[in-house]
Every structure is written in C-alpha cells, then in structure tokens.
C-alpha cells in the first residue's frame, strides 16, 4: 500500500514534462516579436486582398459566360 502513494500519476508526469520543455524555449525579444507580428498582419491583409480580387474576377467571368 505504501508503494502506490509514491507513484506519480500520468497527468503529473505530463505537466512536469511540459514545465521542463517550457524552460528550454528561447522567447523572442519584444521588438522582434512586434516586427514579426506587424509583418504577419501585413502579409495577411495583402493575401486577403489578392484572394478577394481573384474572387471578384472569377465571379464576373462566370456571370459573363452564363448569361
């Protein structure tokens, strides 16, 4: 009975492993993180605009062919 009290549950082992892995992470500096975030937002907006443009062109092309 005393042996079972010393065994860790799988959940505890998992969270201990997560804690160890989080200590290994090298987090970016605030300025670098900001620049990368701005770049991601800008690229996302540009790609969104390109997709919207293609969608509009294809929509008008299909409407022209089906009329």
N, C-alpha and C. Protein backbone atom coordinates (compact mmCIF):
# COMPACT_ATOMS: atom_id res chain seq x y z
N UNK A 1 0.81 -1.19 0.00
CA UNK A 1 0.00 0.00 0.00
C UNK A 1 0.85 1.26 0.00
N UNK A 2 1.97 1.25 0.67
CA UNK A 2 2.84 2.41 0.75
C UNK A 2 3.48 2.74 -0.58
N UNK A 3 3.68 1.73 -1.46
CA UNK A 3 4.29 1.97 -2.77
C UNK A 3 3.40 2.79 -3.68
N UNK A 4 2.09 2.58 -3.60
CA UNK A 4 1.18 3.30 -4.50
C UNK A 4 1.13 4.78 -4.19
N UNK A 5 1.43 5.17 -2.97
CA UNK A 5 1.40 6.58 -2.60
C UNK A 5 2.55 7.34 -3.23
N UNK A 6 3.65 6.65 -3.58
CA UNK A 6 4.83 7.31 -4.14
C UNK A 6 4.81 7.38 -5.66
N UNK A 7 3.91 6.68 -6.29
CA UNK A 7 3.85 6.68 -7.76
C UNK A 7 3.15 7.95 -8.24
N UNK A 8 3.73 8.58 -9.27
CA UNK A 8 3.10 9.77 -9.84
C UNK A 8 2.08 9.34 -10.89
N UNK A 9 1.00 10.09 -10.97
CA UNK A 9 0.00 9.80 -11.99
C UNK A 9 0.53 10.27 -13.35
N UNK A 10 -0.01 9.73 -14.44
CA UNK A 10 0.44 10.18 -15.78
C UNK A 10 0.25 11.68 -15.99
N UNK A 11 -0.81 12.25 -15.42
CA UNK A 11 -1.04 13.70 -15.58
C UNK A 11 0.08 14.50 -14.95
N UNK A 12 0.50 14.09 -13.76
CA UNK A 12 1.57 14.82 -13.07
C UNK A 12 2.86 14.72 -13.87
N UNK A 13 3.17 13.54 -14.39
CA UNK A 13 4.38 13.38 -15.20
C UNK A 13 4.30 14.24 -16.46
N UNK A 14 3.13 14.29 -17.07
CA UNK A 14 2.96 15.10 -18.28
C UNK A 14 3.24 16.57 -17.98
N UNK A 15 2.63 17.10 -16.92
CA UNK A 15 2.80 18.52 -16.62
C UNK A 15 4.22 18.83 -16.16
N UNK A 16 4.88 17.87 -15.51
CA UNK A 16 6.29 18.08 -15.17
C UNK A 16 7.12 18.19 -16.45
N UNK A 17 6.81 17.34 -17.44
CA UNK A 17 7.50 17.40 -18.72
C UNK A 17 7.24 18.71 -19.44
N UNK A 18 6.00 19.19 -19.39
CA UNK A 18 5.66 20.46 -20.03
C UNK A 18 6.46 21.59 -19.38
N UNK A 19 6.55 21.57 -18.07
CA UNK A 19 7.29 22.62 -17.36
C UNK A 19 8.77 22.62 -17.77
N UNK A 20 9.36 21.44 -17.89
CA UNK A 20 10.76 21.32 -18.31
C UNK A 20 10.95 21.85 -19.73
N UNK A 21 10.03 21.50 -20.64
CA UNK A 21 10.14 21.95 -22.02
C UNK A 21 9.96 23.46 -22.14
N UNK A 22 9.07 24.04 -21.34
CA UNK A 22 8.86 25.49 -21.40
C UNK A 22 10.11 26.25 -20.97
N UNK A 23 10.89 25.66 -20.07
CA UNK A 23 12.13 26.32 -19.64
C UNK A 23 13.17 26.32 -20.74
N UNK A 24 13.06 25.42 -21.72
CA UNK A 24 14.01 25.33 -22.82
C UNK A 24 13.71 26.34 -23.93
N UNK A 25 12.54 26.92 -23.94
CA UNK A 25 12.14 27.83 -25.01
C UNK A 25 12.92 29.13 -24.91
N UNK A 26 13.44 29.59 -26.05
CA UNK A 26 14.07 30.91 -26.08
C UNK A 26 13.04 31.87 -26.68
N UNK A 27 12.48 32.70 -25.86
CA UNK A 27 11.43 33.62 -26.28
C UNK A 27 12.05 34.80 -27.01
N UNK A 28 11.39 35.31 -28.07
CA UNK A 28 11.94 36.46 -28.81
C UNK A 28 11.85 37.74 -27.98
N UNK A 29 12.69 38.69 -28.33
CA UNK A 29 12.63 39.99 -27.67
C UNK A 29 11.37 40.72 -28.09
N UNK A 30 10.95 41.66 -27.28
CA UNK A 30 9.70 42.39 -27.53
C UNK A 30 9.71 43.08 -28.89
N UNK A 31 10.83 43.73 -29.24
CA UNK A 31 10.91 44.46 -30.51
C UNK A 31 10.82 43.49 -31.70
N UNK A 32 11.49 42.38 -31.59
CA UNK A 32 11.45 41.37 -32.66
C UNK A 32 10.04 40.79 -32.80
N UNK A 33 9.41 40.52 -31.68
CA UNK A 33 8.05 39.99 -31.69
C UNK A 33 7.09 40.98 -32.34
N UNK A 34 7.24 42.27 -32.03
CA UNK A 34 6.38 43.29 -32.61
C UNK A 34 6.57 43.37 -34.13
N UNK A 35 7.83 43.37 -34.58
CA UNK A 35 8.11 43.44 -36.03
C UNK A 35 7.52 42.24 -36.76
N UNK A 36 7.68 41.06 -36.18
CA UNK A 36 7.16 39.85 -36.81
C UNK A 36 5.64 39.85 -36.84
N UNK A 37 5.01 40.36 -35.78
CA UNK A 37 3.55 40.43 -35.74
C UNK A 37 3.02 41.40 -36.79
N UNK A 38 3.68 42.54 -36.94
CA UNK A 38 3.28 43.51 -37.97
C UNK A 38 3.42 42.89 -39.35
N UNK A 39 4.51 42.16 -39.57
CA UNK A 39 4.73 41.53 -40.86
C UNK A 39 3.64 40.50 -41.15
N UNK A 40 3.25 39.72 -40.17
CA UNK A 40 2.19 38.71 -40.35
C UNK A 40 0.87 39.38 -40.69
N UNK A 41 0.54 40.46 -40.00
CA UNK A 41 -0.72 41.16 -40.27
C UNK A 41 -0.70 41.76 -41.68
N UNK A 42 0.41 42.38 -42.06
CA UNK A 42 0.51 42.99 -43.40
C UNK A 42 0.39 41.93 -44.50
N UNK A 43 1.10 40.84 -44.36
CA UNK A 43 1.03 39.78 -45.36
C UNK A 43 -0.38 39.20 -45.43
N UNK A 44 -1.02 39.03 -44.28
CA UNK A 44 -2.39 38.50 -44.25
C UNK A 44 -3.36 39.42 -44.97
N UNK A 45 -3.21 40.73 -44.78
CA UNK A 45 -4.08 41.70 -45.45
C UNK A 45 -3.85 41.65 -46.96
N UNK A 46 -2.59 41.63 -47.38
CA UNK A 46 -2.27 41.61 -48.81
C UNK A 46 -2.82 40.33 -49.46
N UNK A 47 -2.61 39.18 -48.82
CA UNK A 47 -3.12 37.92 -49.37
C UNK A 47 -4.64 37.94 -49.41
N UNK A 48 -5.27 38.50 -48.40
CA UNK A 48 -6.73 38.62 -48.39
C UNK A 48 -7.23 39.47 -49.53
N UNK A 49 -6.55 40.58 -49.81
CA UNK A 49 -6.94 41.44 -50.93
C UNK A 49 -6.75 40.74 -52.27
N UNK A 50 -5.67 40.00 -52.41
CA UNK A 50 -5.43 39.25 -53.66
C UNK A 50 -6.53 38.21 -53.86
N UNK A 51 -6.88 37.50 -52.81
CA UNK A 51 -7.94 36.48 -52.92
C UNK A 51 -9.27 37.14 -53.26
N UNK A 52 -9.56 38.28 -52.64
CA UNK A 52 -10.81 38.99 -52.94
C UNK A 52 -10.83 39.46 -54.40
N UNK A 53 -9.70 39.92 -54.90
CA UNK A 53 -9.61 40.36 -56.30
C UNK A 53 -9.86 39.20 -57.25
N UNK A 54 -9.17 38.06 -57.01
CA UNK A 54 -9.39 36.88 -57.85
C UNK A 54 -10.83 36.40 -57.78
N UNK A 55 -11.41 36.44 -56.58
CA UNK A 55 -12.80 36.02 -56.41
C UNK A 55 -13.74 36.89 -57.24
N UNK A 56 -13.52 38.20 -57.21
CA UNK A 56 -14.36 39.12 -57.98
C UNK A 56 -14.20 38.89 -59.48
N UNK A 57 -12.97 38.72 -59.94
CA UNK A 57 -12.74 38.48 -61.36
C UNK A 57 -13.40 37.18 -61.81
N UNK A 58 -13.25 36.13 -61.03
CA UNK A 58 -13.86 34.84 -61.38
C UNK A 58 -15.39 34.93 -61.36
N UNK A 59 -15.93 35.66 -60.38
CA UNK A 59 -17.38 35.83 -60.30
C UNK A 59 -17.92 36.52 -61.55
N UNK A 60 -17.26 37.61 -61.96
CA UNK A 60 -17.72 38.32 -63.17
C UNK A 60 -17.51 37.47 -64.42
N UNK A 61 -16.44 36.70 -64.46
CA UNK A 61 -16.20 35.82 -65.60
C UNK A 61 -17.27 34.74 -65.72
N UNK A 62 -17.65 34.15 -64.61
CA UNK A 62 -18.70 33.13 -64.62
C UNK A 62 -20.04 33.74 -64.99
N UNK A 63 -20.34 34.91 -64.43
CA UNK A 63 -21.60 35.59 -64.79
C UNK A 63 -21.64 35.94 -66.28
N UNK A 64 -20.51 36.35 -66.84
CA UNK A 64 -20.46 36.69 -68.27
C UNK A 64 -20.70 35.44 -69.12
N UNK A 65 -20.11 34.31 -68.72
CA UNK A 65 -20.27 33.09 -69.50
C UNK A 65 -21.66 32.47 -69.39
N UNK A 66 -22.33 32.67 -68.28
CA UNK A 66 -23.64 32.03 -68.08
C UNK A 66 -24.79 32.90 -68.51
N UNK A 67 -24.56 34.10 -68.97
CA UNK A 67 -25.68 34.96 -69.39
C UNK A 67 -25.94 34.87 -70.83
